[in-house]
PDB file of all heavy atoms in Angstrom:
ATOM      1  N   HIS A   1      10.679 -16.272  -3.605  1.00  0.00           N
ATOM      2  CA  HIS A   1      11.226 -16.623  -4.921  1.00  0.00           C
ATOM      3  C   HIS A   1      12.669 -16.063  -5.095  1.00  0.00           C
ATOM      4  O   HIS A   1      13.063 -15.595  -6.156  1.00  0.00           O
ATOM      5  CB  HIS A   1      10.339 -16.094  -6.017  1.00  0.00           C
ATOM      6  CG  HIS A   1       8.925 -16.575  -5.957  1.00  0.00           C
ATOM      7  ND1 HIS A   1       8.605 -17.905  -5.925  1.00  0.00           N
ATOM      8  CD2 HIS A   1       7.749 -15.893  -5.915  1.00  0.00           C
ATOM      9  CE1 HIS A   1       7.288 -18.041  -5.856  1.00  0.00           C
ATOM     10  NE2 HIS A   1       6.746 -16.834  -5.825  1.00  0.00           N
ATOM     11  N   GLY A   2      13.447 -16.195  -4.020  1.00  0.00           N
ATOM     12  CA  GLY A   2      14.838 -15.794  -4.106  1.00  0.00           C
ATOM     13  C   GLY A   2      15.066 -14.293  -3.948  1.00  0.00           C
ATOM     14  O   GLY A   2      16.219 -13.814  -4.014  1.00  0.00           O
ATOM     15  N   GLN A   3      13.997 -13.522  -3.755  1.00  0.00           N
ATOM     16  CA  GLN A   3      14.138 -12.072  -3.594  1.00  0.00           C
ATOM     17  C   GLN A   3      13.712 -11.659  -2.209  1.00  0.00           C
ATOM     18  O   GLN A   3      12.805 -12.204  -1.611  1.00  0.00           O
ATOM     19  CB  GLN A   3      13.263 -11.329  -4.612  1.00  0.00           C
ATOM     20  CG  GLN A   3      13.711 -11.580  -6.064  1.00  0.00           C
ATOM     21  CD  GLN A   3      12.856 -10.756  -7.057  1.00  0.00           C
ATOM     22  OE1 GLN A   3      11.829 -10.226  -6.681  1.00  0.00           O
ATOM     23  NE2 GLN A   3      13.295 -10.731  -8.308  1.00  0.00           N
ATOM     24  N   LYS A   4      14.423 -10.641  -1.632  1.00  0.00           N
ATOM     25  CA  LYS A   4      14.110 -10.168  -0.309  1.00  0.00           C
ATOM     26  C   LYS A   4      13.069  -9.065  -0.402  1.00  0.00           C
ATOM     27  O   LYS A   4      13.161  -8.150  -1.186  1.00  0.00           O
ATOM     28  CB  LYS A   4      15.362  -9.640   0.351  1.00  0.00           C
ATOM     29  CG  LYS A   4      16.325 -10.728   0.780  1.00  0.00           C
ATOM     30  CD  LYS A   4      17.487 -10.192   1.620  1.00  0.00           C
ATOM     31  CE  LYS A   4      18.387 -11.319   2.102  1.00  0.00           C
ATOM     32  NZ  LYS A   4      19.510 -10.780   2.940  1.00  0.00           N
ATOM     33  N   ILE A   5      12.018  -9.182   0.433  1.00  0.00           N
ATOM     34  CA  ILE A   5      10.937  -8.198   0.477  1.00  0.00           C
ATOM     35  C   ILE A   5      11.077  -7.416   1.769  1.00  0.00           C
ATOM     36  O   ILE A   5      11.050  -8.033   2.868  1.00  0.00           O
ATOM     37  CB  ILE A   5       9.562  -8.898   0.421  1.00  0.00           C
ATOM     38  CG1 ILE A   5       9.467  -9.795  -0.824  1.00  0.00           C
ATOM     39  CG2 ILE A   5       8.462  -7.875   0.404  1.00  0.00           C
ATOM     40  CD1 ILE A   5       9.595  -9.069  -2.127  1.00  0.00           C
ATOM     41  N   ASN A   6      11.268  -6.109   1.692  1.00  0.00           N
ATOM     42  CA  ASN A   6      11.474  -5.290   2.880  1.00  0.00           C
ATOM     43  C   ASN A   6      10.213  -4.694   3.474  1.00  0.00           C
ATOM     44  O   ASN A   6      10.243  -4.130   4.560  1.00  0.00           O
ATOM     45  CB  ASN A   6      12.482  -4.148   2.537  1.00  0.00           C
ATOM     46  CG  ASN A   6      13.843  -4.683   2.185  1.00  0.00           C
ATOM     47  OD1 ASN A   6      14.361  -5.567   2.862  1.00  0.00           O
ATOM     48  ND2 ASN A   6      14.440  -4.144   1.128  1.00  0.00           N
ATOM     49  N   GLU A   7       9.104  -4.796   2.740  1.00  0.00           N
ATOM     50  CA  GLU A   7       7.848  -4.250   3.239  1.00  0.00           C
ATOM     51  C   GLU A   7       6.682  -5.147   2.858  1.00  0.00           C
ATOM     52  O   GLU A   7       6.762  -5.936   1.916  1.00  0.00           O
ATOM     53  CB  GLU A   7       7.610  -2.835   2.727  1.00  0.00           C
ATOM     54  CG  GLU A   7       7.513  -2.733   1.190  1.00  0.00           C
ATOM     55  CD  GLU A   7       7.310  -1.322   0.716  1.00  0.00           C
ATOM     56  OE1 GLU A   7       7.441  -0.380   1.536  1.00  0.00           O
ATOM     57  OE2 GLU A   7       6.974  -1.127  -0.463  1.00  0.00           O
ATOM     58  N   ALA A   8       5.631  -5.034   3.628  1.00  0.00           N
ATOM     59  CA  ALA A   8       4.435  -5.864   3.364  1.00  0.00           C
ATOM     60  C   ALA A   8       3.179  -5.023   3.678  1.00  0.00           C
ATOM     61  O   ALA A   8       3.248  -4.021   4.351  1.00  0.00           O
ATOM     62  CB  ALA A   8       4.456  -7.111   4.224  1.00  0.00           C
ATOM     63  N   VAL A   9       2.087  -5.477   3.143  1.00  0.00           N
ATOM     64  CA  VAL A   9       0.820  -4.767   3.343  1.00  0.00           C
ATOM     65  C   VAL A   9       0.349  -4.966   4.784  1.00  0.00           C
ATOM     66  O   VAL A   9       0.286  -6.084   5.289  1.00  0.00           O
ATOM     67  CB  VAL A   9      -0.271  -5.276   2.360  1.00  0.00           C
ATOM     68  CG1 VAL A   9      -1.623  -4.665   2.684  1.00  0.00           C
ATOM     69  CG2 VAL A   9       0.135  -4.951   0.939  1.00  0.00           C
ATOM     70  N   SER A  10       0.065  -3.858   5.452  1.00  0.00           N
ATOM     71  CA  SER A  10      -0.399  -3.917   6.828  1.00  0.00           C
ATOM     72  C   SER A  10      -1.884  -3.565   6.959  1.00  0.00           C
ATOM     73  O   SER A  10      -2.511  -3.896   7.983  1.00  0.00           O
ATOM     74  CB  SER A  10       0.413  -2.933   7.712  1.00  0.00           C
ATOM     75  OG  SER A  10       0.348  -1.621   7.186  1.00  0.00           O
ATOM     76  N   LYS A  11      -2.433  -2.917   5.908  1.00  0.00           N
ATOM     77  CA  LYS A  11      -3.843  -2.540   6.001  1.00  0.00           C
ATOM     78  C   LYS A  11      -4.425  -2.274   4.619  1.00  0.00           C
ATOM     79  O   LYS A  11      -3.733  -1.767   3.745  1.00  0.00           O
ATOM     80  CB  LYS A  11      -4.042  -1.299   6.857  1.00  0.00           C
ATOM     81  CG  LYS A  11      -5.502  -0.859   7.018  1.00  0.00           C
ATOM     82  CD  LYS A  11      -5.584   0.492   7.742  1.00  0.00           C
ATOM     83  CE  LYS A  11      -5.126   0.419   9.176  1.00  0.00           C
ATOM     84  NZ  LYS A  11      -5.341   1.681   9.891  1.00  0.00           N
ATOM     85  N   VAL A  12      -5.680  -2.624   4.436  1.00  0.00           N
ATOM     86  CA  VAL A  12      -6.407  -2.262   3.249  1.00  0.00           C
ATOM     87  C   VAL A  12      -7.690  -1.542   3.697  1.00  0.00           C
ATOM     88  O   VAL A  12      -8.403  -2.048   4.546  1.00  0.00           O
ATOM     89  CB  VAL A  12      -6.779  -3.495   2.373  1.00  0.00           C
ATOM     90  CG1 VAL A  12      -7.631  -3.069   1.186  1.00  0.00           C
ATOM     91  CG2 VAL A  12      -5.531  -4.188   1.895  1.00  0.00           C
ATOM     92  N   THR A  13      -7.927  -0.379   3.148  1.00  0.00           N
ATOM     93  CA  THR A  13      -9.094   0.434   3.533  1.00  0.00           C
ATOM     94  C   THR A  13      -9.994   0.638   2.310  1.00  0.00           C
ATOM     95  O   THR A  13      -9.524   1.075   1.255  1.00  0.00           O
ATOM     96  CB  THR A  13      -8.642   1.797   4.059  1.00  0.00           C
ATOM     97  OG1 THR A  13      -7.751   1.615   5.176  1.00  0.00           O
ATOM     98  CG2 THR A  13      -9.840   2.619   4.510  1.00  0.00           C
ATOM     99  N   TRP A  14     -11.236   0.306   2.478  1.00  0.00           N
ATOM    100  CA  TRP A  14     -12.254   0.532   1.435  1.00  0.00           C
ATOM    101  C   TRP A  14     -13.152   1.702   1.856  1.00  0.00           C
ATOM    102  O   TRP A  14     -13.729   1.678   2.954  1.00  0.00           O
ATOM    103  CB  TRP A  14     -13.103  -0.694   1.184  1.00  0.00           C
ATOM    104  CG  TRP A  14     -12.391  -1.838   0.526  1.00  0.00           C
ATOM    105  CD1 TRP A  14     -12.320  -2.050  -0.812  1.00  0.00           C
ATOM    106  CD2 TRP A  14     -11.706  -2.912   1.138  1.00  0.00           C
ATOM    107  NE1 TRP A  14     -11.583  -3.178  -1.059  1.00  0.00           N
ATOM    108  CE2 TRP A  14     -11.200  -3.738   0.097  1.00  0.00           C
ATOM    109  CE3 TRP A  14     -11.436  -3.241   2.473  1.00  0.00           C
ATOM    110  CZ2 TRP A  14     -10.495  -4.904   0.378  1.00  0.00           C
ATOM    111  CZ3 TRP A  14     -10.712  -4.394   2.735  1.00  0.00           C
ATOM    112  CH2 TRP A  14     -10.245  -5.210   1.691  1.00  0.00           C
ATOM    113  N   THR A  15     -13.289   2.680   1.032  1.00  0.00           N
ATOM    114  CA  THR A  15     -14.124   3.846   1.326  1.00  0.00           C
ATOM    115  C   THR A  15     -15.174   3.983   0.220  1.00  0.00           C
ATOM    116  O   THR A  15     -14.845   3.989  -0.966  1.00  0.00           O
ATOM    117  CB  THR A  15     -13.277   5.133   1.402  1.00  0.00           C
ATOM    118  OG1 THR A  15     -12.209   4.953   2.325  1.00  0.00           O
ATOM    119  CG2 THR A  15     -14.151   6.305   1.820  1.00  0.00           C
ATOM    120  N   ALA A  16     -16.432   4.101   0.653  1.00  0.00           N
ATOM    121  CA  ALA A  16     -17.525   4.213  -0.321  1.00  0.00           C
ATOM    122  C   ALA A  16     -17.535   5.586  -0.974  1.00  0.00           C
ATOM    123  O   ALA A  16     -17.420   6.602  -0.267  1.00  0.00           O
ATOM    124  CB  ALA A  16     -18.867   3.921   0.374  1.00  0.00           C
ATOM    125  N   ASP A  17     -17.668   5.628  -2.286  1.00  0.00           N
ATOM    126  CA  ASP A  17     -17.837   6.875  -2.979  1.00  0.00           C
ATOM    127  C   ASP A  17     -19.293   6.977  -3.512  1.00  0.00           C
ATOM    128  O   ASP A  17     -19.583   7.775  -4.375  1.00  0.00           O
ATOM    129  CB  ASP A  17     -16.831   7.026  -4.125  1.00  0.00           C
ATOM    130  CG  ASP A  17     -16.875   5.874  -5.095  1.00  0.00           C
ATOM    131  OD1 ASP A  17     -17.839   5.057  -5.050  1.00  0.00           O
ATOM    132  OD2 ASP A  17     -15.903   5.718  -5.865  1.00  0.00           O
ATOM    133  N   GLY A  18     -20.130   6.127  -2.951  1.00  0.00           N
ATOM    134  CA  GLY A  18     -21.554   6.178  -3.302  1.00  0.00           C
ATOM    135  C   GLY A  18     -22.372   5.949  -2.027  1.00  0.00           C
ATOM    136  O   GLY A  18     -22.094   6.535  -0.982  1.00  0.00           O
ATOM    137  N   LYS A  19     -23.390   5.071  -2.103  1.00  0.00           N
ATOM    138  CA  LYS A  19     -24.285   4.860  -0.976  1.00  0.00           C
ATOM    139  C   LYS A  19     -23.678   3.894   0.061  1.00  0.00           C
ATOM    140  O   LYS A  19     -24.164   3.799   1.194  1.00  0.00           O
ATOM    141  CB  LYS A  19     -25.604   4.290  -1.464  1.00  0.00           C
ATOM    142  CG  LYS A  19     -26.416   5.298  -2.312  1.00  0.00           C
ATOM    143  CD  LYS A  19     -27.757   4.677  -2.725  1.00  0.00           C
ATOM    144  CE  LYS A  19     -28.572   5.651  -3.560  1.00  0.00           C
ATOM    145  NZ  LYS A  19     -29.893   5.077  -3.981  1.00  0.00           N
ATOM    146  N   GLY A  20     -22.675   3.150  -0.331  1.00  0.00           N
ATOM    147  CA  GLY A  20     -22.095   2.159   0.601  1.00  0.00           C
ATOM    148  C   GLY A  20     -22.981   0.938   0.721  1.00  0.00           C
ATOM    149  O   GLY A  20     -23.744   0.601  -0.164  1.00  0.00           O
ATOM    150  N   ILE A  21     -22.872   0.280   1.867  1.00  0.00           N
ATOM    151  CA  ILE A  21     -23.709  -0.888   2.120  1.00  0.00           C
ATOM    152  C   ILE A  21     -24.952  -0.423   2.838  1.00  0.00           C
ATOM    153  O   ILE A  21     -24.930  -0.075   4.022  1.00  0.00           O
ATOM    154  CB  ILE A  21     -22.982  -1.941   2.984  1.00  0.00           C
ATOM    155  CG1 ILE A  21     -21.588  -2.245   2.408  1.00  0.00           C
ATOM    156  CG2 ILE A  21     -23.793  -3.220   3.092  1.00  0.00           C
ATOM    157  CD1 ILE A  21     -20.733  -3.133   3.287  1.00  0.00           C
ATOM    158  N   GLU A  22     -26.078  -0.460   2.159  1.00  0.00           N
ATOM    159  CA  GLU A  22     -27.329   0.037   2.718  1.00  0.00           C
ATOM    160  C   GLU A  22     -27.932  -1.004   3.682  1.00  0.00           C
ATOM    161  O   GLU A  22     -27.559  -2.178   3.662  1.00  0.00           O
ATOM    162  CB  GLU A  22     -28.308   0.340   1.594  1.00  0.00           C
ATOM    163  CG  GLU A  22     -27.810   1.454   0.644  1.00  0.00           C
ATOM    164  CD  GLU A  22     -28.796   1.752  -0.455  1.00  0.00           C
ATOM    165  OE1 GLU A  22     -29.757   2.496  -0.201  1.00  0.00           O
ATOM    166  OE2 GLU A  22     -28.665   1.195  -1.567  1.00  0.00           O
ATOM    167  N   PRO A  23     -28.856  -0.530   4.536  1.00  0.00           N
ATOM    168  CA  PRO A  23     -29.519  -1.474   5.479  1.00  0.00           C
ATOM    169  C   PRO A  23     -30.153  -2.638   4.765  1.00  0.00           C
ATOM    170  O   PRO A  23     -30.790  -2.488   3.732  1.00  0.00           O
ATOM    171  CB  PRO A  23     -30.586  -0.568   6.146  1.00  0.00           C
ATOM    172  CG  PRO A  23     -30.016   0.796   6.078  1.00  0.00           C
ATOM    173  CD  PRO A  23     -29.294   0.863   4.748  1.00  0.00           C
ATOM    174  N   GLY A  24     -29.940  -3.837   5.307  1.00  0.00           N
ATOM    175  CA  GLY A  24     -30.511  -5.032   4.736  1.00  0.00           C
ATOM    176  C   GLY A  24     -29.661  -5.676   3.660  1.00  0.00           C
ATOM    177  O   GLY A  24     -30.067  -6.646   3.041  1.00  0.00           O
ATOM    178  N   TYR A  25     -28.422  -5.184   3.467  1.00  0.00           N
ATOM    179  CA  TYR A  25     -27.541  -5.724   2.448  1.00  0.00           C
ATOM    180  C   TYR A  25     -26.202  -6.093   3.016  1.00  0.00           C
ATOM    181  O   TYR A  25     -25.802  -5.637   4.094  1.00  0.00           O
ATOM    182  CB  TYR A  25     -27.341  -4.698   1.304  1.00  0.00           C
ATOM    183  CG  TYR A  25     -28.560  -4.503   0.430  1.00  0.00           C
ATOM    184  CD1 TYR A  25     -29.511  -3.558   0.779  1.00  0.00           C
ATOM    185  CD2 TYR A  25     -28.751  -5.261  -0.707  1.00  0.00           C
ATOM    186  CE1 TYR A  25     -30.621  -3.346  -0.002  1.00  0.00           C
ATOM    187  CE2 TYR A  25     -29.873  -5.070  -1.496  1.00  0.00           C
ATOM    188  CZ  TYR A  25     -30.797  -4.113  -1.146  1.00  0.00           C
ATOM    189  OH  TYR A  25     -31.925  -3.928  -1.919  1.00  0.00           O
ATOM    190  N   ILE A  26     -25.463  -6.910   2.259  1.00  0.00           N
ATOM    191  CA  ILE A  26     -24.099  -7.259   2.602  1.00  0.00           C
ATOM    192  C   ILE A  26     -23.215  -6.943   1.403  1.00  0.00           C
ATOM    193  O   ILE A  26     -23.709  -6.741   0.297  1.00  0.00           O
ATOM    194  CB  ILE A  26     -23.941  -8.751   2.966  1.00  0.00           C
ATOM    195  CG1 ILE A  26     -24.224  -9.631   1.741  1.00  0.00           C
ATOM    196  CG2 ILE A  26     -24.794  -9.129   4.157  1.00  0.00           C
ATOM    197  CD1 ILE A  26     -23.884 -11.093   1.956  1.00  0.00           C
ATOM    198  N   GLN A  27     -21.914  -6.869   1.666  1.00  0.00           N
ATOM    199  CA  GLN A  27     -20.948  -6.597   0.592  1.00  0.00           C
ATOM    200  C   GLN A  27     -19.723  -7.491   0.779  1.00  0.00           C
ATOM    201  O   GLN A  27     -19.290  -7.712   1.897  1.00  0.00           O
ATOM    202  CB  GLN A  27     -20.512  -5.115   0.588  1.00  0.00           C
ATOM    203  CG  GLN A  27     -19.451  -4.750  -0.425  1.00  0.00           C
ATOM    204  CD  GLN A  27     -19.994  -4.751  -1.834  1.00  0.00           C
ATOM    205  OE1 GLN A  27     -21.008  -4.130  -2.121  1.00  0.00           O
ATOM    206  NE2 GLN A  27     -19.337  -5.486  -2.721  1.00  0.00           N
ATOM    207  N   ARG A  28     -19.246  -8.015  -0.327  1.00  0.00           N
ATOM    208  CA  ARG A  28     -18.031  -8.834  -0.267  1.00  0.00           C
ATOM    209  C   ARG A  28     -16.876  -8.046  -0.864  1.00  0.00           C
ATOM    210  O   ARG A  28     -17.004  -7.464  -1.941  1.00  0.00           O
ATOM    211  CB  ARG A  28     -18.222 -10.172  -1.011  1.00  0.00           C
ATOM    212  CG  ARG A  28     -19.178 -11.126  -0.288  1.00  0.00           C
ATOM    213  CD  ARG A  28     -19.327 -12.422  -1.058  1.00  0.00           C
ATOM    214  NE  ARG A  28     -20.136 -13.427  -0.349  1.00  0.00           N
ATOM    215  CZ  ARG A  28     -21.452 -13.410  -0.270  1.00  0.00           C
ATOM    216  NH1 ARG A  28     -22.139 -12.506  -0.964  1.00  0.00           N
ATOM    217  NH2 ARG A  28     -22.119 -14.343   0.431  1.00  0.00           N
ATOM    218  N   PHE A  29     -15.715  -8.113  -0.181  1.00  0.00           N
ATOM    219  CA  PHE A  29     -14.544  -7.388  -0.619  1.00  0.00           C
ATOM    220  C   PHE A  29     -13.461  -8.432  -0.925  1.00  0.00           C
ATOM    221  O   PHE A  29     -12.775  -8.916  -0.042  1.00  0.00           O
ATOM    222  CB  PHE A  29     -14.062  -6.432   0.475  1.00  0.00           C
ATOM    223  CG  PHE A  29     -15.046  -5.329   0.801  1.00  0.00           C
ATOM    224  CD1 PHE A  29     -16.051  -5.555   1.744  1.00  0.00           C
ATOM    225  CD2 PHE A  29     -14.977  -4.124   0.169  1.00  0.00           C
ATOM    226  CE1 PHE A  29     -16.980  -4.542   2.046  1.00  0.00           C
ATOM    227  CE2 PHE A  29     -15.891  -3.115   0.461  1.00  0.00           C
ATOM    228  CZ  PHE A  29     -16.893  -3.319   1.403  1.00  0.00           C
ATOM    229  N   PRO A  30     -13.270  -8.790  -2.216  1.00  0.00           N
ATOM    230  CA  PRO A  30     -12.294  -9.821  -2.605  1.00  0.00           C
ATOM    231  C   PRO A  30     -10.862  -9.287  -2.581  1.00  0.00           C
ATOM    232  O   PRO A  30     -10.590  -8.166  -3.003  1.00  0.00           O
ATOM    233  CB  PRO A  30     -12.699 -10.182  -4.026  1.00  0.00           C
ATOM    234  CG  PRO A  30     -14.043  -9.558  -4.220  1.00  0.00           C
ATOM    235  CD  PRO A  30     -14.081  -8.335  -3.362  1.00  0.00           C
ATOM    236  N   VAL A  31      -9.969 -10.138  -2.104  1.00  0.00           N
ATOM    237  CA  VAL A  31      -8.540  -9.805  -2.013  1.00  0.00           C
ATOM    238  C   VAL A  31      -7.723 -11.035  -2.406  1.00  0.00           C
ATOM    239  O   VAL A  31      -7.958 -12.131  -1.875  1.00  0.00           O
ATOM    240  CB  VAL A  31      -8.108  -9.337  -0.623  1.00  0.00           C
ATOM    241  CG1 VAL A  31      -6.623  -9.051  -0.563  1.00  0.00           C
ATOM    242  CG2 VAL A  31      -8.909  -8.110  -0.200  1.00  0.00           C
ATOM    243  N   SER A  32      -6.753 -10.859  -3.286  1.00  0.00           N
ATOM    244  CA  SER A  32      -5.829 -11.921  -3.609  1.00  0.00           C
ATOM    245  C   SER A  32      -4.581 -11.764  -2.749  1.00  0.00           C
ATOM    246  O   SER A  32      -4.034 -10.634  -2.654  1.00  0.00           O
ATOM    247  CB  SER A  32      -5.426 -11.840  -5.098  1.00  0.00           C
ATOM    248  OG  SER A  32      -4.414 -12.805  -5.384  1.00  0.00           O
ATOM    249  N   MET A  33      -4.168 -12.818  -2.104  1.00  0.00           N
ATOM    250  CA  MET A  33      -3.030 -12.683  -1.149  1.00  0.00           C
ATOM    251  C   MET A  33      -2.158 -13.912  -1.130  1.00  0.00           C
ATOM    252  O   MET A  33      -2.560 -15.004  -1.500  1.00  0.00           O
ATOM    253  CB  MET A  33      -3.568 -12.419   0.263  1.00  0.00           C
ATOM    254  CG  MET A  33      -4.441 -13.525   0.809  1.00  0.00           C
ATOM    255  SD  MET A  33      -4.986 -13.237   2.524  1.00  0.00           S
ATOM    256  CE  MET A  33      -6.012 -11.794   2.292  1.00  0.00           C
ATOM    257  N   GLY A  34      -0.889 -13.698  -0.708  1.00  0.00           N
ATOM    258  CA  GLY A  34       0.076 -14.803  -0.589  1.00  0.00           C
ATOM    259  C   GLY A  34       1.478 -14.268  -0.504  1.00  0.00           C
ATOM    260  O   GLY A  34       1.690 -13.050  -0.566  1.00  0.00           O
ATOM    261  N   ALA A  35       2.469 -15.067  -0.356  1.00  0.00           N
ATOM    262  CA  ALA A  35       2.264 -16.501  -0.077  1.00  0.00           C
ATOM    263  C   ALA A  35       1.831 -16.689   1.380  1.00  0.00           C
ATOM    264  O   ALA A  35       2.361 -16.013   2.270  1.00  0.00           O
ATOM    265  CB  ALA A  35       3.558 -17.248  -0.342  1.00  0.00           C
ATOM    266  N   LEU A  36       0.859 -17.571   1.592  1.00  0.00           N
ATOM    267  CA  LEU A  36       0.338 -17.799   2.906  1.00  0.00           C
ATOM    268  C   LEU A  36       1.389 -18.532   3.754  1.00  0.00           C
ATOM    269  O   LEU A  36       2.154 -19.372   3.247  1.00  0.00           O
ATOM    270  CB  LEU A  36      -0.937 -18.642   2.830  1.00  0.00           C
ATOM    271  CG  LEU A  36      -2.087 -17.999   2.009  1.00  0.00           C
ATOM    272  CD1 LEU A  36      -3.257 -18.959   1.874  1.00  0.00           C
ATOM    273  CD2 LEU A  36      -2.512 -16.669   2.664  1.00  0.00           C
ATOM    274  N   PRO A  37       1.437 -18.200   5.048  1.00  0.00           N
ATOM    275  CA  PRO A  37       2.477 -18.825   5.902  1.00  0.00           C
ATOM    276  C   PRO A  37       2.249 -20.300   6.067  1.00  0.00           C
ATOM    277  O   PRO A  37       1.140 -20.800   5.965  1.00  0.00           O
ATOM    278  CB  PRO A  37       2.296 -18.068   7.222  1.00  0.00           C
ATOM    279  CG  PRO A  37       0.872 -17.595   7.195  1.00  0.00           C
ATOM    280  CD  PRO A  37       0.607 -17.265   5.780  1.00  0.00           C
ATOM    281  N   GLU A  38       3.347 -21.007   6.367  1.00  0.00           N
ATOM    282  CA  GLU A  38       3.311 -22.467   6.523  1.00  0.00           C
ATOM    283  C   GLU A  38       3.430 -22.882   7.990  1.00  0.00           C
ATOM    284  O   GLU A  38       3.293 -24.067   8.309  1.00  0.00           O
ATOM    285  CB  GLU A  38       4.415 -23.130   5.701  1.00  0.00           C
ATOM    286  CG  GLU A  38       4.318 -22.853   4.216  1.00  0.00           C
ATOM    287  CD  GLU A  38       5.409 -23.551   3.408  1.00  0.00           C
ATOM    288  OE1 GLU A  38       5.467 -24.781   3.507  1.00  0.00           O
ATOM    289  OE2 GLU A  38       6.203 -22.851   2.741  1.00  0.00           O
ATOM    290  N   ASP A  39       3.671 -21.928   8.871  1.00  0.00           N
ATOM    291  CA  ASP A  39       3.911 -22.227  10.274  1.00  0.00           C
ATOM    292  C   ASP A  39       2.734 -21.868  11.177  1.00  0.00           C
ATOM    293  O   ASP A  39       2.876 -21.669  12.376  1.00  0.00           O
ATOM    294  CB  ASP A  39       5.192 -21.543  10.777  1.00  0.00           C
ATOM    295  CG  ASP A  39       5.122 -20.040  10.578  1.00  0.00           C
ATOM    296  OD1 ASP A  39       4.195 -19.549   9.926  1.00  0.00           O
ATOM    297  OD2 ASP A  39       6.029 -19.348  11.131  1.00  0.00           O
ATOM    298  N   THR A  40       1.533 -21.735  10.612  1.00  0.00           N
ATOM    299  CA  THR A  40       0.363 -21.447  11.417  1.00  0.00           C
ATOM    300  C   THR A  40      -0.885 -22.042  10.724  1.00  0.00           C
ATOM    301  O   THR A  40      -0.845 -22.311   9.488  1.00  0.00           O
ATOM    302  CB  THR A  40       0.169 -19.921  11.585  1.00  0.00           C
ATOM    303  OG1 THR A  40      -0.966 -19.717  12.463  1.00  0.00           O
ATOM    304  CG2 THR A  40      -0.103 -19.236  10.258  1.00  0.00           C
ATOM    305  N   ASP A  41      -1.922 -22.283  11.499  1.00  0.00           N
ATOM    306  CA  ASP A  41      -3.141 -22.851  10.954  1.00  0.00           C
ATOM    307  C   ASP A  41      -4.182 -21.824  10.643  1.00  0.00           C
ATOM    308  O   ASP A  41      -5.230 -22.147  10.055  1.00  0.00           O
ATOM    309  CB  ASP A  41      -3.731 -23.878  11.933  1.00  0.00           C
ATOM    310  CG  ASP A  41      -2.827 -25.078  12.161  1.00  0.00           C
ATOM    311  OD1 ASP A  41      -2.131 -25.467  11.169  1.00  0.00           O
ATOM    312  OD2 ASP A  41      -2.786 -25.610  13.269  1.00  0.00           O
TER     313      ASP A  41
END
């Protein structure tokens, strides 16, 4: 959007402060991201 960005997110780490994902369960970690590149599929 006309502005230069000198840094970008290289990693996101989620750490459980409770029981975490227990056996027999799954967890979804939602992330909003963009702008997505146009030169790759």
